[in-house]
């Protein structure tokens, strides 16, 4: 009988005492048993660190790393350094997974000789609010290179950049020196998953909803944006731009579209922060626009108009809506 591959489940933990047990329980009770569970406590100030230690005492598969608070990117990177598994899976500590998730994922990986597997998620809110964010891939994709899959996902508007929706070969990360950008406080998944897909020789789809994503007030996703968020998004844009150039994809459809997506994300984030925070990074914002325009806005008219200013952007949106009405009328 073939020995089951070891899966390293990396869970960054920060002030989630209310949800942590549900998260860890969903892993230790998996139908797939050959696991190591790495809990990286990112300087929690509540009882999360204590809960981690209590679980480690009860289950030998669990190890705990306590560290000073530094954010999700460095925390995940520490998890990668500790991981001994053939596969790595990242799980957010306020979410949980189906009990057969890892079994289905590793079976998909091995039956397709894949170094990357992607799957679907369900979103929910503790306060009962409507969740518009969907994580269901509509299309069905045959196994092929990650860059080919990424291109198809993007064209179908099916791509979700969240790292928790991926099972990743450890070899893929180590051989390509892929790590999370530690200067990024948010949007770090946009860069990490882009690098992973572009580096994957064989990517497969697992057509199951295996992840349950909780939206809660106070999380990084829902918290009010600051200049730190803008700088993170700016850094991610620059890294995606440079990475695409380094792998020889500059000018290619997928690399261009993804770079444009990251550029818009940075520009939009600046607009969402307070006037006070905008003043703190106004020069950086102007330099960002200058950089985008120096690349001819990657051939994207909307991005070019956004960089030129409000008047140009407003005129473009009016034109876009007018053309949309005209085309709708012709149908």
C-alpha atoms as a PDB file:
ATOM      1  CA  UNK A   1       0.000   0.000   0.000  1.00  0.00           C
ATOM      2  CA  UNK A   2       1.311   3.440  -0.920  1.00  0.00           C
ATOM      3  CA  UNK A   3       2.296   5.582   2.043  1.00  0.00           C
ATOM      4  CA  UNK A   4       0.010   8.562   2.450  1.00  0.00           C
ATOM      5  CA  UNK A   5       1.666  11.900   1.760  1.00  0.00           C
ATOM      6  CA  UNK A   6       2.145  14.173   4.749  1.00  0.00           C
ATOM      7  CA  UNK A   7       0.123  17.404   4.564  1.00  0.00           C
ATOM      8  CA  UNK A   8       1.300  20.432   6.527  1.00  0.00           C
ATOM      9  CA  UNK A   9      -1.668  22.545   7.607  1.00  0.00           C
ATOM     10  CA  UNK A  10      -0.493  26.055   8.494  1.00  0.00           C
ATOM     11  CA  UNK A  11      -2.855  28.160  10.610  1.00  0.00           C
ATOM     12  CA  UNK A  12      -1.890  31.764  11.458  1.00  0.00           C
ATOM     13  CA  UNK A  13      -3.550  32.722  14.741  1.00  0.00           C
ATOM     14  CA  UNK A  14      -4.298  36.202  16.041  1.00  0.00           C
ATOM     15  CA  UNK A  15      -6.981  37.095  18.608  1.00  0.00           C
ATOM     16  CA  UNK A  16      -9.582  34.572  17.460  1.00  0.00           C
ATOM     17  CA  UNK A  17     -10.430  32.877  20.759  1.00  0.00           C
ATOM     18  CA  UNK A  18     -14.128  32.774  19.839  1.00  0.00           C
ATOM     19  CA  UNK A  19     -13.569  30.797  16.630  1.00  0.00           C
ATOM     20  CA  UNK A  20     -10.277  28.961  17.051  1.00  0.00           C
ATOM     21  CA  UNK A  21     -11.617  25.695  18.457  1.00  0.00           C
ATOM     22  CA  UNK A  22     -14.038  25.268  15.556  1.00  0.00           C
ATOM     23  CA  UNK A  23     -11.174  25.852  13.143  1.00  0.00           C
ATOM     24  CA  UNK A  24      -8.726  23.416  14.756  1.00  0.00           C
ATOM     25  CA  UNK A  25     -11.430  20.784  15.310  1.00  0.00           C
ATOM     26  CA  UNK A  26     -12.196  20.821  11.592  1.00  0.00           C
ATOM     27  CA  UNK A  27      -8.566  19.827  10.946  1.00  0.00           C
ATOM     28  CA  UNK A  28      -7.858  17.263  13.660  1.00  0.00           C
ATOM     29  CA  UNK A  29     -11.067  15.411  12.730  1.00  0.00           C
ATOM     30  CA  UNK A  30     -10.218  15.132   9.027  1.00  0.00           C
ATOM     31  CA  UNK A  31     -10.798  11.782   7.338  1.00  0.00           C
ATOM     32  CA  UNK A  32      -7.218  12.156   6.089  1.00  0.00           C
ATOM     33  CA  UNK A  33      -5.012  11.520   9.126  1.00  0.00           C
ATOM     34  CA  UNK A  34      -1.398  11.974   7.977  1.00  0.00           C
ATOM     35  CA  UNK A  35      -1.160  15.619   8.970  1.00  0.00           C
ATOM     36  CA  UNK A  36       1.085  18.004  10.796  1.00  0.00           C
ATOM     37  CA  UNK A  37      -0.759  21.047  12.084  1.00  0.00           C
ATOM     38  CA  UNK A  38       1.346  24.166  12.597  1.00  0.00           C
ATOM     39  CA  UNK A  39      -0.325  26.843  14.717  1.00  0.00           C
ATOM     40  CA  UNK A  40       1.585  30.131  14.446  1.00  0.00           C
ATOM     41  CA  UNK A  41       0.435  32.489  17.197  1.00  0.00           C
ATOM     42  CA  UNK A  42       1.078  36.013  15.915  1.00  0.00           C
ATOM     43  CA  UNK A  43       1.337  37.695  19.303  1.00  0.00           C
ATOM     44  CA  UNK A  44      -2.293  37.220  20.337  1.00  0.00           C
ATOM     45  CA  UNK A  45      -3.415  39.288  23.309  1.00  0.00           C
ATOM     46  CA  UNK A  46      -6.474  37.149  24.097  1.00  0.00           C
ATOM     47  CA  UNK A  47      -6.542  33.457  25.052  1.00  0.00           C
ATOM     48  CA  UNK A  48      -5.756  32.210  21.521  1.00  0.00           C
ATOM     49  CA  UNK A  49      -2.159  31.316  22.384  1.00  0.00           C
ATOM     50  CA  UNK A  50      -3.278  29.302  25.407  1.00  0.00           C
ATOM     51  CA  UNK A  51      -5.870  27.453  23.310  1.00  0.00           C
ATOM     52  CA  UNK A  52      -3.135  26.528  20.805  1.00  0.00           C
ATOM     53  CA  UNK A  53      -0.962  25.090  23.595  1.00  0.00           C
ATOM     54  CA  UNK A  54      -3.869  23.093  25.023  1.00  0.00           C
ATOM     55  CA  UNK A  55      -4.552  21.481  21.631  1.00  0.00           C
ATOM     56  CA  UNK A  56      -0.848  20.658  21.187  1.00  0.00           C
ATOM     57  CA  UNK A  57      -0.895  18.782  24.503  1.00  0.00           C
ATOM     58  CA  UNK A  58      -3.788  16.619  23.298  1.00  0.00           C
ATOM     59  CA  UNK A  59      -2.673  15.902  19.708  1.00  0.00           C
ATOM     60  CA  UNK A  60       0.934  15.018  18.833  1.00  0.00           C
ATOM     61  CA  UNK A  61       0.405  16.192  15.257  1.00  0.00           C
ATOM     62  CA  UNK A  62       0.094  19.784  16.464  1.00  0.00           C
ATOM     63  CA  UNK A  63       3.049  22.121  16.999  1.00  0.00           C
ATOM     64  CA  UNK A  64       2.816  25.738  18.158  1.00  0.00           C
ATOM     65  CA  UNK A  65       5.037  28.701  17.330  1.00  0.00           C
ATOM     66  CA  UNK A  66       4.603  31.825  19.459  1.00  0.00           C
ATOM     67  CA  UNK A  67       5.971  35.077  18.013  1.00  0.00           C
ATOM     68  CA  UNK A  68       5.641  38.836  18.235  1.00  0.00           C
ATOM     69  CA  UNK A  69       2.894  40.354  16.131  1.00  0.00           C
ATOM     70  CA  UNK A  70       4.043  40.984  12.564  1.00  0.00           C
ATOM     71  CA  UNK A  71       1.022  40.347  10.348  1.00  0.00           C
ATOM     72  CA  UNK A  72      -0.225  37.450   8.223  1.00  0.00           C
ATOM     73  CA  UNK A  73       2.555  37.356   5.613  1.00  0.00           C
ATOM     74  CA  UNK A  74       5.480  36.778   7.962  1.00  0.00           C
ATOM     75  CA  UNK A  75       3.336  34.467  10.076  1.00  0.00           C
ATOM     76  CA  UNK A  76       2.590  32.236   7.090  1.00  0.00           C
ATOM     77  CA  UNK A  77       6.233  32.318   6.009  1.00  0.00           C
ATOM     78  CA  UNK A  78       7.271  31.014   9.427  1.00  0.00           C
ATOM     79  CA  UNK A  79       4.760  28.221   8.950  1.00  0.00           C
ATOM     80  CA  UNK A  80       6.321  27.336   5.591  1.00  0.00           C
ATOM     81  CA  UNK A  81       9.791  27.177   7.149  1.00  0.00           C
ATOM     82  CA  UNK A  82       8.529  24.732   9.779  1.00  0.00           C
ATOM     83  CA  UNK A  83       6.558  22.583   7.322  1.00  0.00           C
ATOM     84  CA  UNK A  84       7.833  19.064   6.612  1.00  0.00           C
ATOM     85  CA  UNK A  85       4.928  17.882   4.475  1.00  0.00           C
ATOM     86  CA  UNK A  86       4.827  17.023   0.802  1.00  0.00           C
ATOM     87  CA  UNK A  87       1.837  19.333   0.509  1.00  0.00           C
ATOM     88  CA  UNK A  88       1.029  22.605   2.261  1.00  0.00           C
ATOM     89  CA  UNK A  89      -2.407  23.910   3.087  1.00  0.00           C
ATOM     90  CA  UNK A  90      -3.133  27.343   4.622  1.00  0.00           C
ATOM     91  CA  UNK A  91      -6.230  27.790   6.775  1.00  0.00           C
ATOM     92  CA  UNK A  92      -7.390  31.045   8.381  1.00  0.00           C
ATOM     93  CA  UNK A  93      -8.056  30.644  12.082  1.00  0.00           C
ATOM     94  CA  UNK A  94     -11.579  32.113  12.065  1.00  0.00           C
ATOM     95  CA  UNK A  95     -12.739  29.758   9.292  1.00  0.00           C
ATOM     96  CA  UNK A  96     -13.131  25.985   8.972  1.00  0.00           C
ATOM     97  CA  UNK A  97     -13.054  23.208   6.361  1.00  0.00           C
ATOM     98  CA  UNK A  98     -15.192  20.187   5.531  1.00  0.00           C
ATOM     99  CA  UNK A  99     -14.053  17.025   7.313  1.00  0.00           C
ATOM    100  CA  UNK A 100     -13.190  15.259   4.049  1.00  0.00           C
ATOM    101  CA  UNK A 101     -11.502  18.298   2.476  1.00  0.00           C
ATOM    102  CA  UNK A 102      -7.872  17.221   2.686  1.00  0.00           C
ATOM    103  CA  UNK A 103      -8.623  13.682   1.546  1.00  0.00           C
ATOM    104  CA  UNK A 104     -10.386  14.961  -1.567  1.00  0.00           C
ATOM    105  CA  UNK A 105      -7.619  17.472  -2.274  1.00  0.00           C
ATOM    106  CA  UNK A 106      -4.683  15.098  -1.966  1.00  0.00           C
ATOM    107  CA  UNK A 107      -6.514  12.489  -4.048  1.00  0.00           C
ATOM    108  CA  UNK A 108      -7.076  15.110  -6.748  1.00  0.00           C
ATOM    109  CA  UNK A 109      -3.424  16.115  -6.637  1.00  0.00           C
ATOM    110  CA  UNK A 110      -2.075  12.595  -6.882  1.00  0.00           C
ATOM    111  CA  UNK A 111      -4.518  11.315  -9.511  1.00  0.00           C
ATOM    112  CA  UNK A 112      -3.566  14.246 -11.742  1.00  0.00           C
ATOM    113  CA  UNK A 113       0.144  14.423 -10.808  1.00  0.00           C
ATOM    114  CA  UNK A 114      -0.614  18.024  -9.872  1.00  0.00           C
ATOM    115  CA  UNK A 115       1.530  20.355  -7.806  1.00  0.00           C
ATOM    116  CA  UNK A 116      -1.430  22.685  -7.269  1.00  0.00           C
ATOM    117  CA  UNK A 117      -5.143  22.044  -6.636  1.00  0.00           C
ATOM    118  CA  UNK A 118      -7.876  24.703  -6.399  1.00  0.00           C
ATOM    119  CA  UNK A 119     -11.419  24.371  -5.056  1.00  0.00           C
ATOM    120  CA  UNK A 120     -14.510  26.309  -3.911  1.00  0.00           C
ATOM    121  CA  UNK A 121     -15.657  28.003  -0.727  1.00  0.00           C
ATOM    122  CA  UNK A 122     -18.840  29.147   0.979  1.00  0.00           C
ATOM    123  CA  UNK A 123     -19.005  32.573   2.667  1.00  0.00           C
ATOM    124  CA  UNK A 124     -21.021  33.422   5.749  1.00  0.00           C
ATOM    125  CA  UNK A 125     -21.325  36.216   8.295  1.00  0.00           C
ATOM    126  CA  UNK A 126     -21.642  35.975  12.044  1.00  0.00           C
ATOM    127  CA  UNK A 127     -24.019  38.942  12.150  1.00  0.00           C
ATOM    128  CA  UNK A 128     -26.351  37.552   9.491  1.00  0.00           C
ATOM    129  CA  UNK A 129     -25.472  40.189   6.898  1.00  0.00           C
ATOM    130  CA  UNK A 130     -25.663  39.287   3.228  1.00  0.00           C
ATOM    131  CA  UNK A 131     -22.380  38.068   1.769  1.00  0.00           C
ATOM    132  CA  UNK A 132     -21.927  39.096  -1.844  1.00  0.00           C
ATOM    133  CA  UNK A 133     -18.423  37.661  -2.184  1.00  0.00           C
ATOM    134  CA  UNK A 134     -18.639  34.318  -3.967  1.00  0.00           C
ATOM    135  CA  UNK A 135     -15.887  31.724  -4.150  1.00  0.00           C
ATOM    136  CA  UNK A 136     -17.469  29.237  -6.535  1.00  0.00           C
ATOM    137  CA  UNK A 137     -15.754  28.510  -9.843  1.00  0.00           C
ATOM    138  CA  UNK A 138     -18.452  28.222 -12.491  1.00  0.00           C
ATOM    139  CA  UNK A 139     -16.418  26.408 -15.133  1.00  0.00           C
ATOM    140  CA  UNK A 140     -14.862  22.953 -15.250  1.00  0.00           C
ATOM    141  CA  UNK A 141     -11.158  22.828 -16.054  1.00  0.00           C
ATOM    142  CA  UNK A 142      -8.948  19.971 -17.167  1.00  0.00           C
ATOM    143  CA  UNK A 143      -5.569  19.643 -15.492  1.00  0.00           C
ATOM    144  CA  UNK A 144      -2.812  21.612 -17.237  1.00  0.00           C
ATOM    145  CA  UNK A 145      -0.138  24.180 -16.428  1.00  0.00           C
ATOM    146  CA  UNK A 146      -1.023  26.761 -13.813  1.00  0.00           C
ATOM    147  CA  UNK A 147      -0.510  29.667 -16.181  1.00  0.00           C
ATOM    148  CA  UNK A 148      -2.938  28.133 -18.699  1.00  0.00           C
ATOM    149  CA  UNK A 149      -5.488  27.508 -15.953  1.00  0.00           C
ATOM    150  CA  UNK A 150      -5.055  31.031 -14.600  1.00  0.00           C
ATOM    151  CA  UNK A 151      -5.649  32.477 -18.060  1.00  0.00           C
ATOM    152  CA  UNK A 152      -8.869  30.486 -18.480  1.00  0.00           C
ATOM    153  CA  UNK A 153     -10.073  31.368 -14.985  1.00  0.00           C
ATOM    154  CA  UNK A 154      -9.442  35.049 -15.603  1.00  0.00           C
ATOM    155  CA  UNK A 155     -11.198  35.044 -18.978  1.00  0.00           C
ATOM    156  CA  UNK A 156     -14.219  33.342 -17.400  1.00  0.00           C
ATOM    157  CA  UNK A 157     -14.134  35.731 -14.407  1.00  0.00           C
ATOM    158  CA  UNK A 158     -13.708  32.640 -12.248  1.00  0.00           C
ATOM    159  CA  UNK A 159     -10.409  33.465 -10.561  1.00  0.00           C
ATOM    160  CA  UNK A 160     -10.277  33.873  -6.774  1.00  0.00           C
ATOM    161  CA  UNK A 161      -6.868  34.786  -5.422  1.00  0.00           C
ATOM    162  CA  UNK A 162      -7.378  33.563  -1.853  1.00  0.00           C
ATOM    163  CA  UNK A 163      -4.578  31.207  -0.781  1.00  0.00           C
ATOM    164  CA  UNK A 164      -6.936  29.202   1.454  1.00  0.00           C
ATOM    165  CA  UNK A 165      -8.508  27.791  -1.725  1.00  0.00           C
ATOM    166  CA  UNK A 166      -5.312  25.996  -2.742  1.00  0.00           C
ATOM    167  CA  UNK A 167      -3.457  22.790  -1.878  1.00  0.00           C
ATOM    168  CA  UNK A 168       0.178  23.412  -2.834  1.00  0.00           C
ATOM    169  CA  UNK A 169       3.131  21.105  -3.287  1.00  0.00           C
ATOM    170  CA  UNK A 170       5.960  22.064  -0.920  1.00  0.00           C
ATOM    171  CA  UNK A 171       8.367  21.406  -3.782  1.00  0.00           C
ATOM    172  CA  UNK A 172       6.594  24.060  -5.882  1.00  0.00           C
ATOM    173  CA  UNK A 173       7.275  26.679  -3.212  1.00  0.00           C
ATOM    174  CA  UNK A 174      10.856  25.696  -2.448  1.00  0.00           C
ATOM    175  CA  UNK A 175      12.055  25.190  -6.032  1.00  0.00           C
ATOM    176  CA  UNK A 176      10.656  28.577  -7.082  1.00  0.00           C
ATOM    177  CA  UNK A 177      11.515  30.375  -3.825  1.00  0.00           C
ATOM    178  CA  UNK A 178       7.926  31.517  -3.369  1.00  0.00           C
ATOM    179  CA  UNK A 179       7.073  33.238  -0.100  1.00  0.00           C
ATOM    180  CA  UNK A 180       4.576  35.834   1.071  1.00  0.00           C
ATOM    181  CA  UNK A 181       5.640  39.462   0.688  1.00  0.00           C
ATOM    182  CA  UNK A 182       6.287  40.485   4.288  1.00  0.00           C
ATOM    183  CA  UNK A 183       5.816  44.197   3.661  1.00  0.00           C
ATOM    184  CA  UNK A 184       2.232  43.484   2.590  1.00  0.00           C
ATOM    185  CA  UNK A 185      -0.396  43.846   5.299  1.00  0.00           C
ATOM    186  CA  UNK A 186      -3.218  43.098   2.857  1.00  0.00           C
ATOM    187  CA  UNK A 187      -3.606  41.828  -0.734  1.00  0.00           C
ATOM    188  CA  UNK A 188      -0.634  39.521  -0.129  1.00  0.00           C
ATOM    189  CA  UNK A 189      -2.656  36.652  -1.579  1.00  0.00           C
ATOM    190  CA  UNK A 190      -2.867  38.441  -4.941  1.00  0.00           C
ATOM    191  CA  UNK A 191       0.902  38.183  -5.354  1.00  0.00           C
ATOM    192  CA  UNK A 192       1.427  34.784  -3.738  1.00  0.00           C
ATOM    193  CA  UNK A 193      -1.260  32.928  -5.686  1.00  0.00           C
ATOM    194  CA  UNK A 194      -0.186  34.607  -8.933  1.00  0.00           C
ATOM    195  CA  UNK A 195       3.359  33.328  -8.441  1.00  0.00           C
ATOM    196  CA  UNK A 196       2.084  29.871  -7.499  1.00  0.00           C
ATOM    197  CA  UNK A 197      -0.147  29.542 -10.568  1.00  0.00           C
ATOM    198  CA  UNK A 198       2.552  30.856 -12.905  1.00  0.00           C
ATOM    199  CA  UNK A 199       5.095  28.396 -11.481  1.00  0.00           C
ATOM    200  CA  UNK A 200       2.841  25.319 -11.433  1.00  0.00           C
ATOM    201  CA  UNK A 201       3.599  22.687 -14.062  1.00  0.00           C
ATOM    202  CA  UNK A 202       0.297  20.882 -13.462  1.00  0.00           C
ATOM    203  CA  UNK A 203      -2.761  22.387 -11.809  1.00  0.00           C
ATOM    204  CA  UNK A 204      -5.993  20.491 -11.132  1.00  0.00           C
ATOM    205  CA  UNK A 205      -9.490  21.450 -10.053  1.00  0.00           C
ATOM    206  CA  UNK A 206     -11.401  19.818  -7.209  1.00  0.00           C
ATOM    207  CA  UNK A 207     -15.059  20.584  -7.866  1.00  0.00           C
ATOM    208  CA  UNK A 208     -16.232  20.652  -4.265  1.00  0.00           C
ATOM    209  CA  UNK A 209     -17.109  23.396  -1.792  1.00  0.00           C
ATOM    210  CA  UNK A 210     -14.701  22.529   1.008  1.00  0.00           C
ATOM    211  CA  UNK A 211     -14.007  25.836   2.751  1.00  0.00           C
ATOM    212  CA  UNK A 212     -16.257  27.959   4.965  1.00  0.00           C
ATOM    213  CA  UNK A 213     -15.145  31.585   5.091  1.00  0.00           C
ATOM    214  CA  UNK A 214     -16.359  33.751   7.930  1.00  0.00           C
ATOM    215  CA  UNK A 215     -16.734  37.506   7.492  1.00  0.00           C
ATOM    216  CA  UNK A 216     -16.509  39.301  10.814  1.00  0.00           C
ATOM    217  CA  UNK A 217     -16.035  42.876  11.936  1.00  0.00           C
ATOM    218  CA  UNK A 218     -12.500  43.673  13.003  1.00  0.00           C
ATOM    219  CA  UNK A 219     -10.779  41.269  10.620  1.00  0.00           C
ATOM    220  CA  UNK A 220      -8.211  42.524   8.099  1.00  0.00           C
ATOM    221  CA  UNK A 221     -10.734  41.954   5.307  1.00  0.00           C
ATOM    222  CA  UNK A 222     -13.475  44.088   6.871  1.00  0.00           C
ATOM    223  CA  UNK A 223     -11.414  46.634   8.830  1.00  0.00           C
ATOM    224  CA  UNK A 224     -11.189  50.278   7.810  1.00  0.00           C
ATOM    225  CA  UNK A 225      -8.409  50.931   5.306  1.00  0.00           C
ATOM    226  CA  UNK A 226      -5.360  53.048   6.174  1.00  0.00           C
ATOM    227  CA  UNK A 227      -2.169  54.236   4.510  1.00  0.00           C
ATOM    228  CA  UNK A 228      -0.684  50.854   5.458  1.00  0.00           C
ATOM    229  CA  UNK A 229      -3.239  49.126   3.254  1.00  0.00           C
ATOM    230  CA  UNK A 230      -2.449  51.430   0.339  1.00  0.00           C
ATOM    231  CA  UNK A 231       1.284  50.816   0.636  1.00  0.00           C
ATOM    232  CA  UNK A 232       0.681  47.067   0.770  1.00  0.00           C
ATOM    233  CA  UNK A 233      -1.374  47.167  -2.427  1.00  0.00           C
ATOM    234  CA  UNK A 234       1.237  49.388  -4.088  1.00  0.00           C
ATOM    235  CA  UNK A 235       3.986  46.914  -3.160  1.00  0.00           C
ATOM    236  CA  UNK A 236       1.935  43.997  -4.498  1.00  0.00           C
ATOM    237  CA  UNK A 237       1.395  45.811  -7.809  1.00  0.00           C
ATOM    238  CA  UNK A 238       5.126  46.462  -8.174  1.00  0.00           C
ATOM    239  CA  UNK A 239       6.026  42.864  -7.335  1.00  0.00           C
ATOM    240  CA  UNK A 240       3.491  41.461  -9.830  1.00  0.00           C
ATOM    241  CA  UNK A 241       4.784  43.826 -12.512  1.00  0.00           C
ATOM    242  CA  UNK A 242       8.406  42.811 -11.891  1.00  0.00           C
ATOM    243  CA  UNK A 243       7.643  39.095 -11.565  1.00  0.00           C
ATOM    244  CA  UNK A 244       5.802  39.072 -14.910  1.00  0.00           C
ATOM    245  CA  UNK A 245       8.833  40.686 -16.506  1.00  0.00           C
ATOM    246  CA  UNK A 246      11.239  38.234 -14.860  1.00  0.00           C
ATOM    247  CA  UNK A 247       9.372  35.180 -16.172  1.00  0.00           C
ATOM    248  CA  UNK A 248       9.191  36.662 -19.658  1.00  0.00           C
ATOM    249  CA  UNK A 249       5.436  37.283 -19.694  1.00  0.00           C
ATOM    250  CA  UNK A 250       5.479  41.066 -20.210  1.00  0.00           C
ATOM    251  CA  UNK A 251       2.904  41.896 -22.872  1.00  0.00           C
ATOM    252  CA  UNK A 252       1.199  38.518 -22.566  1.00  0.00           C
ATOM    253  CA  UNK A 253      -2.580  38.660 -22.098  1.00  0.00           C
ATOM    254  CA  UNK A 254      -2.745  37.083 -18.634  1.00  0.00           C
ATOM    255  CA  UNK A 255       0.240  38.909 -17.155  1.00  0.00           C
ATOM    256  CA  UNK A 256      -1.027  42.220 -18.509  1.00  0.00           C
ATOM    257  CA  UNK A 257      -4.561  41.713 -17.224  1.00  0.00           C
ATOM    258  CA  UNK A 258      -3.324  40.690 -13.814  1.00  0.00           C
ATOM    259  CA  UNK A 259      -0.937  43.626 -13.537  1.00  0.00           C
ATOM    260  CA  UNK A 260      -3.783  45.975 -14.467  1.00  0.00           C
ATOM    261  CA  UNK A 261      -5.955  44.341 -11.809  1.00  0.00           C
ATOM    262  CA  UNK A 262      -3.294  44.952  -9.151  1.00  0.00           C
ATOM    263  CA  UNK A 263      -2.780  48.544 -10.330  1.00  0.00           C
ATOM    264  CA  UNK A 264      -6.503  49.275  -9.992  1.00  0.00           C
ATOM    265  CA  UNK A 265      -6.503  47.642  -6.567  1.00  0.00           C
ATOM    266  CA  UNK A 266      -3.764  50.002  -5.375  1.00  0.00           C
ATOM    267  CA  UNK A 267      -5.422  53.096  -6.840  1.00  0.00           C
ATOM    268  CA  UNK A 268      -8.836  52.156  -5.446  1.00  0.00           C
ATOM    269  CA  UNK A 269      -7.405  51.475  -2.000  1.00  0.00           C
ATOM    270  CA  UNK A 270      -5.929  54.973  -1.880  1.00  0.00           C
ATOM    271  CA  UNK A 271      -9.373  56.420  -2.649  1.00  0.00           C
ATOM    272  CA  UNK A 272     -10.934  54.434   0.196  1.00  0.00           C
ATOM    273  CA  UNK A 273      -8.613  55.651   2.948  1.00  0.00           C
ATOM    274  CA  UNK A 274      -9.256  58.815   4.989  1.00  0.00           C
ATOM    275  CA  UNK A 275      -8.127  62.261   3.843  1.00  0.00           C
ATOM    276  CA  UNK A 276      -5.620  62.275   6.694  1.00  0.00           C
ATOM    277  CA  UNK A 277      -4.097  58.990   5.549  1.00  0.00           C
ATOM    278  CA  UNK A 278      -4.138  60.134   1.933  1.00  0.00           C
ATOM    279  CA  UNK A 279      -2.018  63.124   2.938  1.00  0.00           C
ATOM    280  CA  UNK A 280       0.541  60.788   4.511  1.00  0.00           C
ATOM    281  CA  UNK A 281       1.133  58.919   1.262  1.00  0.00           C
ATOM    282  CA  UNK A 282       0.115  61.455  -1.390  1.00  0.00           C
ATOM    283  CA  UNK A 283       3.609  61.563  -2.901  1.00  0.00           C
ATOM    284  CA  UNK A 284       3.685  57.754  -3.113  1.00  0.00           C
ATOM    285  CA  UNK A 285       0.291  57.800  -4.808  1.00  0.00           C
ATOM    286  CA  UNK A 286       1.516  60.293  -7.406  1.00  0.00           C
ATOM    287  CA  UNK A 287       4.615  58.175  -8.034  1.00  0.00           C
ATOM    288  CA  UNK A 288       2.410  55.119  -8.462  1.00  0.00           C
ATOM    289  CA  UNK A 289       0.349  56.837 -11.145  1.00  0.00           C
ATOM    290  CA  UNK A 290       3.531  58.046 -12.829  1.00  0.00           C
ATOM    291  CA  UNK A 291       4.891  54.503 -12.869  1.00  0.00           C
ATOM    292  CA  UNK A 292       1.683  53.106 -14.359  1.00  0.00           C
ATOM    293  CA  UNK A 293       1.681  55.760 -17.083  1.00  0.00           C
ATOM    294  CA  UNK A 294       5.370  55.096 -17.799  1.00  0.00           C
ATOM    295  CA  UNK A 295       4.218  51.594 -18.803  1.00  0.00           C
ATOM    296  CA  UNK A 296       1.477  53.117 -21.005  1.00  0.00           C
ATOM    297  CA  UNK A 297      -1.043  51.868 -18.432  1.00  0.00           C
ATOM    298  CA  UNK A 298      -0.366  48.401 -19.885  1.00  0.00           C
ATOM    299  CA  UNK A 299      -2.600  49.257 -22.811  1.00  0.00           C
ATOM    300  CA  UNK A 300      -5.674  49.691 -20.613  1.00  0.00           C
ATOM    301  CA  UNK A 301      -7.689  52.841 -21.403  1.00  0.00           C
ATOM    302  CA  UNK A 302      -9.633  52.843 -18.139  1.00  0.00           C
ATOM    303  CA  UNK A 303      -6.432  52.579 -16.113  1.00  0.00           C
ATOM    304  CA  UNK A 304      -4.851  55.405 -18.091  1.00  0.00           C
ATOM    305  CA  UNK A 305      -7.869  57.649 -17.485  1.00  0.00           C
ATOM    306  CA  UNK A 306      -7.833  56.834 -13.769  1.00  0.00           C
ATOM    307  CA  UNK A 307      -4.208  57.970 -13.551  1.00  0.00           C
ATOM    308  CA  UNK A 308      -4.864  61.232 -15.409  1.00  0.00           C
ATOM    309  CA  UNK A 309      -7.388  62.430 -12.845  1.00  0.00           C
ATOM    310  CA  UNK A 310     -11.029  62.784 -11.836  1.00  0.00           C
ATOM    311  CA  UNK A 311     -12.195  64.717 -14.900  1.00  0.00           C
ATOM    312  CA  UNK A 312     -10.764  62.166 -17.338  1.00  0.00           C
ATOM    313  CA  UNK A 313     -12.069  59.265 -15.267  1.00  0.00           C
ATOM    314  CA  UNK A 314     -15.579  60.749 -15.059  1.00  0.00           C
ATOM    315  CA  UNK A 315     -15.621  61.392 -18.821  1.00  0.00           C
ATOM    316  CA  UNK A 316     -14.494  57.845 -19.492  1.00  0.00           C
ATOM    317  CA  UNK A 317     -17.175  56.303 -17.259  1.00  0.00           C
ATOM    318  CA  UNK A 318     -19.879  58.417 -18.944  1.00  0.00           C
ATOM    319  CA  UNK A 319     -18.602  57.283 -22.346  1.00  0.00           C
ATOM    320  CA  UNK A 320     -18.471  53.661 -21.191  1.00  0.00           C
ATOM    321  CA  UNK A 321     -22.068  53.761 -19.947  1.00  0.00           C
ATOM    322  CA  UNK A 322     -23.260  55.442 -23.143  1.00  0.00           C
ATOM    323  CA  UNK A 323     -21.638  52.785 -25.308  1.00  0.00           C
ATOM    324  CA  UNK A 324     -23.122  50.093 -23.055  1.00  0.00           C
ATOM    325  CA  UNK A 325     -26.649  51.496 -23.503  1.00  0.00           C
ATOM    326  CA  UNK A 326     -26.116  51.762 -27.236  1.00  0.00           C
ATOM    327  CA  UNK A 327     -24.963  48.165 -27.553  1.00  0.00           C
ATOM    328  CA  UNK A 328     -27.823  46.976 -25.327  1.00  0.00           C
ATOM    329  CA  UNK A 329     -30.290  48.865 -27.563  1.00  0.00           C
ATOM    330  CA  UNK A 330     -28.918  47.154 -30.659  1.00  0.00           C
ATOM    331  CA  UNK A 331     -29.546  43.753 -29.139  1.00  0.00           C
END
